[in-house]
Protein backbone atom coordinates (compact mmCIF):
# COMPACT_ATOMS: atom_id res chain seq x y z
CA MET A 1 -29.35 14.47 11.31
CA PRO A 2 -26.28 16.14 11.17
CA ARG A 3 -26.08 19.84 13.44
CA VAL A 4 -29.31 19.16 14.74
CA GLY A 5 -29.71 16.04 16.60
CA TYR A 6 -32.10 12.86 16.56
CA GLN A 7 -35.55 12.46 14.96
CA ILE A 8 -37.45 9.31 16.08
CA ARG A 9 -39.51 8.08 12.63
CA GLU A 10 -41.60 5.26 14.52
CA PHE A 11 -43.09 4.69 18.36
CA THR A 12 -45.92 3.01 19.79
CA ARG A 13 -48.62 4.93 21.55
CA GLU A 14 -49.97 2.86 24.34
CA THR A 15 -53.13 3.83 26.81
CA ILE A 16 -51.65 3.59 30.52
CA ASN A 17 -54.08 3.30 34.04
CA PHE A 18 -52.25 5.35 36.11
CA GLN A 19 -54.47 4.14 39.16
CA GLU A 20 -52.86 0.73 38.38
CA GLU A 21 -49.34 1.58 37.97
CA ALA A 22 -48.86 3.85 40.54
CA ASN A 23 -47.21 1.36 42.93
CA LEU A 24 -44.82 0.10 40.26
CA SER A 25 -41.32 1.08 39.92
CA PRO A 26 -40.93 3.76 37.24
CA PHE A 27 -39.34 1.25 34.71
CA LYS A 28 -41.99 -0.81 35.09
CA LYS A 29 -44.64 1.98 34.03
CA ILE A 30 -42.98 1.91 30.51
CA GLY A 31 -44.55 -0.12 28.32
CA LYS A 32 -43.18 -3.27 26.91
CA LYS A 33 -43.25 -2.91 23.22
CA THR A 34 -42.44 0.61 24.22
CA ALA A 35 -39.16 -0.73 26.34
CA ILE A 36 -38.10 -2.59 23.17
CA VAL A 37 -38.53 0.14 20.89
CA SER A 38 -36.26 2.10 23.11
CA ALA A 39 -33.95 0.08 23.12
CA ILE A 40 -33.48 -0.59 19.77
CA GLY A 41 -33.82 3.06 19.12
CA LEU A 42 -30.69 3.15 21.62
CA ALA A 43 -28.31 0.43 20.42
CA ALA A 44 -28.72 1.28 16.73
CA VAL A 45 -27.94 5.46 17.92
CA GLY A 46 -24.90 3.88 19.58
CA ALA A 47 -23.89 1.42 17.12
CA GLY A 48 -24.63 4.83 14.46
CA ILE A 49 -22.26 7.16 16.82
CA GLY A 50 -19.17 4.28 17.32
CA TRP A 51 -19.49 3.77 13.07
CA MET A 52 -18.61 7.59 12.94
CA LYS A 53 -15.71 7.24 15.60
CA TYR A 54 -14.14 3.95 15.04
CA VAL A 55 -14.19 3.40 10.75
CA PRO A 56 -13.69 -0.60 10.05
CA SER A 57 -9.45 -1.39 10.33
CA HIS A 58 -7.51 -4.00 10.44
CA THR A 59 -4.16 -4.16 12.25
CA PRO A 60 -0.67 -4.16 10.41
CA THR A 61 0.12 -7.81 9.21
CA ASN A 62 2.93 -9.53 10.70
CA TYR A 63 5.86 -10.71 8.52
CA ILE A 64 7.56 -13.79 8.41
CA ILE A 65 11.21 -11.92 7.65
CA GLU A 66 14.20 -14.01 5.80
CA LYS A 67 17.87 -12.58 4.89
CA ASP A 68 20.75 -14.25 3.35
CA ARG A 69 23.76 -12.87 1.36
CA ILE A 70 24.58 -14.99 -1.74
CA GLY A 71 27.90 -13.96 -3.02
CA SER A 72 28.14 -10.19 -3.04
CA ASN A 73 24.33 -9.63 -3.20
CA ASP A 74 21.98 -9.33 0.23
CA ILE A 75 18.30 -10.97 -0.16
CA THR A 76 15.19 -10.60 1.77
CA ILE A 77 12.38 -12.89 1.80
CA VAL A 78 9.10 -11.23 3.61
CA THR A 79 6.37 -13.80 3.26
CA ALA A 80 2.94 -13.96 5.69
CA ASN A 81 3.28 -18.26 5.98
CA ALA A 82 6.32 -20.62 5.92
CA ASP A 83 4.62 -22.62 2.16
CA ASP A 84 5.41 -19.10 0.83
CA LEU A 85 8.79 -18.73 2.21
CA ALA A 86 9.89 -22.02 1.50
CA ASP A 87 8.21 -21.29 -2.44
CA LEU A 88 10.35 -18.27 -2.60
CA ARG A 89 13.47 -19.94 -1.21
CA SER A 90 13.46 -22.41 -3.75
CA LYS A 91 12.78 -19.94 -6.72
CA VAL A 92 15.64 -18.25 -5.30
CA LYS A 93 18.18 -21.22 -5.60
CA GLU A 94 16.50 -22.10 -9.38
CA LEU A 95 17.29 -18.29 -10.33
CA ILE A 96 21.11 -18.58 -9.35
CA LYS A 97 21.68 -21.82 -10.72
CA GLY A 98 19.90 -20.75 -14.05
CA GLN A 99 21.95 -17.55 -14.25
CA THR A 100 25.32 -19.51 -13.22
CA LYS A 101 24.61 -22.66 -15.89
CA LYS A 102 24.52 -20.08 -18.64
CA TYR A 103 27.34 -17.93 -17.77
CA GLY A 104 29.93 -20.05 -15.40
CA LYS A 105 29.31 -17.66 -12.93
CA LEU A 106 26.71 -15.52 -10.81
CA VAL A 107 26.58 -12.30 -12.89
CA THR A 108 24.08 -10.34 -10.72
CA GLN A 109 26.63 -8.80 -8.21
CA ASN A 110 26.10 -6.44 -5.43
CA GLU A 111 22.55 -6.45 -5.45
CA ARG A 112 20.27 -5.21 -2.33
CA VAL A 113 16.97 -7.50 -3.37
CA TYR A 114 13.44 -8.12 -1.83
CA LEU A 115 11.36 -10.71 -2.40
CA LEU A 116 7.54 -11.00 -1.76
CA LYS A 117 4.66 -13.46 -2.09
CA THR A 118 0.72 -13.26 -1.51
CA ASP A 119 -1.89 -15.56 -2.74
CA GLU A 120 -2.16 -12.91 -5.57
CA PHE A 121 1.29 -11.73 -6.57
CA TYR A 122 4.85 -12.31 -6.11
CA SER A 123 6.31 -8.59 -5.60
CA ALA A 124 10.68 -7.96 -6.21
CA ALA A 125 12.58 -4.97 -5.77
CA TRP A 126 16.42 -4.67 -6.31
CA CYS A 127 18.91 -2.10 -6.54
CA ALA A 128 22.83 -2.27 -7.73
CA VAL A 129 24.70 -0.97 -4.47
CA ASP A 130 27.69 0.81 -4.08
CA ALA A 131 31.14 0.74 -1.88
CA ASN A 132 28.75 2.66 0.72
CA ASP A 133 26.19 0.44 0.49
CA GLN A 134 24.06 2.50 -1.05
CA CYS A 135 21.53 2.24 -3.92
CA ILE A 136 22.76 3.41 -7.14
CA LYS A 137 21.04 6.20 -9.29
CA ASN A 138 18.13 4.68 -11.64
CA THR A 139 19.14 1.01 -10.30
CA ASP A 140 15.99 0.82 -8.31
CA PHE A 141 13.36 -1.23 -9.83
CA SER A 142 10.09 -3.32 -8.62
CA TYR A 143 8.25 -5.95 -10.26
CA LYS A 144 4.47 -7.30 -9.81
CA ILE A 145 3.99 -10.87 -10.85
CA ALA A 146 1.16 -12.89 -11.19
CA THR A 147 1.41 -16.28 -9.95
CA ASP A 148 1.62 -18.23 -13.16
CA GLU A 149 4.24 -16.02 -14.57
CA TRP A 150 7.01 -16.12 -12.93
CA ASP A 151 8.80 -17.73 -15.87
CA LYS A 152 8.84 -14.88 -17.68
CA PHE A 153 10.30 -12.64 -14.58
CA ALA A 154 13.00 -15.60 -14.08
CA ASN A 155 14.26 -15.18 -17.55
CA ILE A 156 14.48 -11.32 -16.98
CA VAL A 157 16.94 -12.38 -13.91
CA ILE A 158 18.90 -15.42 -15.19
CA ASN A 159 19.90 -13.27 -18.48
CA ASN A 160 20.41 -10.35 -16.47
CA GLN A 161 19.16 -7.71 -18.51
CA LYS A 162 19.25 -4.66 -18.04
CA VAL A 163 16.38 -2.00 -17.92
CA TYR A 164 16.95 1.64 -16.80
CA HIS A 165 13.76 4.15 -15.90
CA GLU A 166 12.65 6.00 -18.61
CA THR A 167 11.43 9.77 -18.70
CA PRO A 168 7.14 8.87 -18.48
CA VAL A 169 5.19 11.54 -20.34
CA ILE A 170 2.49 12.33 -18.24
CA GLN A 171 -0.68 13.66 -20.19
CA THR A 172 -2.53 15.89 -17.90
CA GLU A 173 -2.66 19.77 -17.93
CA TYR A 174 -3.18 19.53 -13.54
CA ALA A 175 -0.36 18.04 -12.32
CA ARG A 176 2.16 20.13 -10.42
CA GLU A 177 5.80 18.59 -9.10
CA PRO A 178 5.32 15.38 -6.86
CA THR A 179 6.85 15.15 -3.37
CA ALA A 180 7.70 11.66 -5.21
CA VAL A 181 7.59 9.14 -7.87
CA VAL A 182 6.96 5.85 -8.27
CA TYR A 183 8.13 3.35 -11.44
CA THR A 184 6.39 -0.15 -11.38
CA SER A 185 6.75 -3.04 -13.70
CA TYR A 186 4.23 -5.85 -14.20
CA ILE A 187 4.43 -9.43 -15.77
CA ASP A 188 1.07 -10.40 -16.41
CA LYS A 189 -1.18 -11.34 -19.82
CA SER A 190 -3.15 -8.04 -19.34
CA GLY A 191 -0.76 -5.85 -21.87
CA ILE A 192 -0.62 -3.06 -18.67
CA ARG A 193 3.21 -3.43 -18.25
CA SER A 194 4.30 -0.28 -16.67
CA LYS A 195 2.71 2.38 -14.32
CA VAL A 196 4.05 5.71 -13.00
CA MET A 197 2.86 7.26 -9.29
CA HIS A 198 2.67 10.83 -8.59
CA TYR A 199 3.05 11.33 -4.31
CA PHE A 200 2.03 14.55 -2.74
CA MET A 201 2.73 14.60 0.91
CA THR A 202 2.01 17.86 2.86
CA PRO A 203 2.77 18.12 6.61
CA THR A 204 -0.19 18.79 8.46
CA ASP A 205 -0.44 21.36 11.58
CA ASN A 206 -0.29 18.01 13.78
CA LYS A 207 2.52 16.17 14.04
CA GLY A 208 3.08 13.02 12.18
CA ILE A 209 -0.23 13.61 10.37
CA PHE A 210 0.06 14.56 6.35
CA ASP A 211 -1.92 14.92 3.82
CA TYR A 212 -1.12 12.33 1.42
CA SER A 213 -2.62 11.96 -2.40
CA LEU A 214 -1.45 10.11 -5.25
CA MET A 215 -2.09 10.23 -9.32
CA SER A 216 -1.53 7.43 -11.46
CA PHE A 217 -0.75 6.85 -14.46
CA ILE A 218 -0.67 3.44 -17.35
CA LYS A 219 1.41 3.31 -20.18
CA ASP A 220 -0.17 3.57 -23.77
CA PRO A 221 1.20 0.41 -25.49
CA ASP A 222 0.43 2.40 -29.06
CA SER A 223 1.10 6.04 -27.87
CA GLY A 224 3.89 5.16 -25.82
CA ASN A 225 2.23 8.22 -23.26
CA PHE A 226 0.92 7.50 -19.83
CA ARG A 227 -2.63 8.46 -19.54
CA ALA A 228 -4.53 8.82 -15.68
CA LEU A 229 -5.67 5.85 -13.99
CA ALA A 230 -6.80 6.85 -10.64
CA ILE A 231 -6.58 9.81 -8.14
CA SER A 232 -6.98 9.64 -4.74
CA ALA A 233 -6.28 11.48 -1.19
CA SER A 234 -5.54 10.19 2.04
CA LYS A 235 -4.42 11.41 5.40
CA ALA A 236 -1.00 9.49 6.25
CA TYR A 237 -0.10 8.64 10.22
CA VAL A 238 3.22 7.90 10.95
CA GLU A 239 2.81 5.49 13.81
CA ASN A 240 5.36 5.10 16.62
CA ARG A 241 3.82 1.24 17.75
CA GLU A 242 6.94 -1.27 17.42
CA SER A 243 7.92 -2.55 13.96
CA GLN A 244 9.14 -5.22 12.08
CA PHE A 245 10.41 -2.75 9.88
CA LEU A 246 11.84 0.75 10.38
CA GLN A 247 8.58 2.50 10.27
CA THR A 248 4.46 1.68 10.22
CA ILE A 249 2.61 4.12 8.31
CA LYS A 250 -1.13 4.34 8.80
CA ILE A 251 -3.06 5.60 5.48
CA GLU A 252 -6.51 6.51 6.06
CA PRO A 253 -8.90 7.28 2.58
CA GLU A 254 -10.88 10.22 2.11
CA MET A 255 -11.32 10.28 -1.43
CA PHE A 256 -10.91 8.21 -5.04
CA HIS A 257 -11.55 8.57 -8.60
CA TRP A 258 -11.03 6.39 -11.12
CA ALA A 259 -9.93 8.08 -14.68
CA TYR A 260 -9.18 4.39 -16.27
CA GLN A 261 -11.06 4.28 -19.63
CA PRO A 262 -11.83 0.30 -20.98
CA SER A 263 -9.64 -0.45 -24.22
CA PRO A 264 -9.25 -3.51 -26.49
CA ASP A 265 -5.74 -3.19 -25.75
CA TYR A 266 -5.97 -4.51 -22.01
CA ASP A 267 -7.61 -7.32 -20.24
CA GLU A 268 -8.62 -6.20 -17.33
CA LYS A 269 -9.75 -9.19 -15.30
CA GLU A 270 -5.37 -10.28 -15.63
CA SER A 271 -4.17 -6.96 -14.94
CA LEU A 272 -2.47 -6.77 -11.30
CA ALA A 273 -2.53 -2.89 -12.03
CA LEU A 274 -5.90 -2.86 -12.28
CA LYS A 275 -6.20 -4.98 -9.21
CA HIS A 276 -4.28 -3.36 -7.22
CA THR A 277 -6.12 -0.02 -7.42
CA CYS A 278 -9.26 -1.64 -6.78
CA HIS A 279 -7.85 -2.65 -3.77
CA PHE A 280 -7.67 1.22 -2.91
CA GLU A 281 -10.84 2.15 -4.02
CA CYS A 282 -12.68 -0.04 -1.75
CA GLN A 283 -10.36 1.03 0.76
CA SER A 284 -11.74 4.29 0.38
CA SER A 285 -15.22 3.77 -0.59
CA ASP A 286 -15.50 1.64 2.66
CA LYS A 287 -13.21 4.19 4.68
CA ARG A 288 -11.15 0.99 5.64
CA SER A 289 -7.22 2.52 6.51
CA TYR A 290 -4.29 0.04 5.65
CA TYR A 291 -0.69 0.36 6.04
CA ASN A 292 2.60 1.17 4.40
CA TYR A 293 6.02 0.18 5.76
CA VAL A 294 9.27 1.58 5.08
CA VAL A 295 11.50 -0.99 4.56
CA TYR A 296 14.75 0.90 3.23
CA LYS A 297 15.73 4.48 3.15
CA GLN A 298 18.71 6.75 2.34
CA PRO A 299 18.55 10.34 1.24
CA ASN A 300 15.68 10.63 -1.41
CA LEU A 301 15.26 6.82 -1.72
CA LEU A 302 12.98 4.58 0.15
CA LEU A 303 11.35 1.14 -0.67
CA MET A 304 8.07 0.97 1.02
CA LEU A 305 6.06 -2.57 1.45
CA ASN A 306 2.15 -2.39 0.86
CA GLU A 307 0.43 -6.10 1.15
CA PHE A 308 -2.03 -5.12 -1.46
CA THR A 309 0.88 -4.09 -4.17
CA GLY A 310 4.30 -5.63 -2.97
CA PHE A 311 7.39 -3.55 -3.03
CA PHE A 312 7.72 -0.17 -4.37
CA TRP A 313 10.54 2.21 -4.79
CA ASN A 314 9.46 5.63 -3.41
CA SER A 315 12.31 7.84 -5.38
CA THR A 316 12.00 11.29 -3.70
CA SER A 317 12.63 14.87 -4.81
CA GLN A 318 16.13 16.13 -5.84
CA GLY A 319 16.02 19.43 -6.49
CA ASP A 320 14.35 20.70 -3.28
CA PRO A 321 15.55 19.03 0.08
CA SER A 322 12.06 21.07 1.66
CA ILE A 323 9.82 18.94 -0.19
CA SER A 324 11.74 15.68 -0.18
CA TYR A 325 9.17 12.64 1.32
CA SER A 326 12.13 10.97 2.60
CA ASP A 327 13.54 14.18 5.11
CA TYR A 328 10.26 13.46 6.80
CA PHE A 329 11.46 10.12 7.96
CA SER A 330 15.31 11.77 8.75
CA GLY A 331 14.61 10.10 12.36
CA LEU A 332 13.65 6.67 11.44
CA VAL A 333 17.37 5.41 10.95
CA PRO A 334 18.77 3.36 13.91
CA ASP A 335 21.57 5.64 15.07
CA GLU A 336 23.76 2.29 15.64
CA LYS A 337 26.67 2.38 12.64
CA ASN A 338 24.32 4.74 10.49
CA LYS A 339 22.04 1.09 9.62
CA THR A 340 19.54 1.67 7.29
CA ASP A 341 17.04 -1.53 8.05
CA LYS A 342 16.34 -3.58 10.39
């Protein structure tokens, strides 16, 4: 009972002959049934304390990371196993072959590209870079692709289709200026084509710990407005452990709320956007922590990796440096030649 103590609700009453038990040890004076019940009770109490203190979690994923340079493009492939690595290698070759066959040359130039494959989806993120190898504004894109929809994504790449960030119209009266904004596109059979996430990250009194919350919105196909999908709140911990990436951020969920309403325009079972949000709902309800990884960093732009949602670009505030998300990670860039990734 919180703030009170423990209440024993079941017990065994026994009659003891003290004369017969006089020469027994203190433990043997306790009835066998009483000892068993007491042991079970203590085990339950210990388990309860352990559950409250140590919430279920998992360790950061150990990925296979391969880097390559094709023409003027830097490509990074991230997978959890060798089979997925081989699959993405072959798909990159097919993309290059397809574009070269159509245009007579590789027209995708000067891009930083990241690819991920999991059991449920492909993830791709890229940006065009300038002479200083920095991402050019509004060229940062990320796609989540259903495993059976890769050909649609391949057509976008082969045809070198130009897509630009749109200004989302958010329908809510309570959204304040976010710390960061994430734009994500989806290729699946659901009808949900894009999602916008507003992140709010505020330092706490404890160094390296932040209040971390987000509001996500999906685009309505009829009106073009973005309507609320979900709201969540968490604690973010900047971990100092050795990482494959620039930094590991541990997220401990505290609250999750669905705002999504079923719509005849969407096939929920096919939607990667809804599946990924469901992951966060499960993490929150089970109090399970998860990890985000800082893969690439430059002022006002971070590329993050999450095993449930893939890659996503975190575009931070340009107007007020004091609330810039990436400012919190200013010490993450290795000193050697001002590298932005490993």
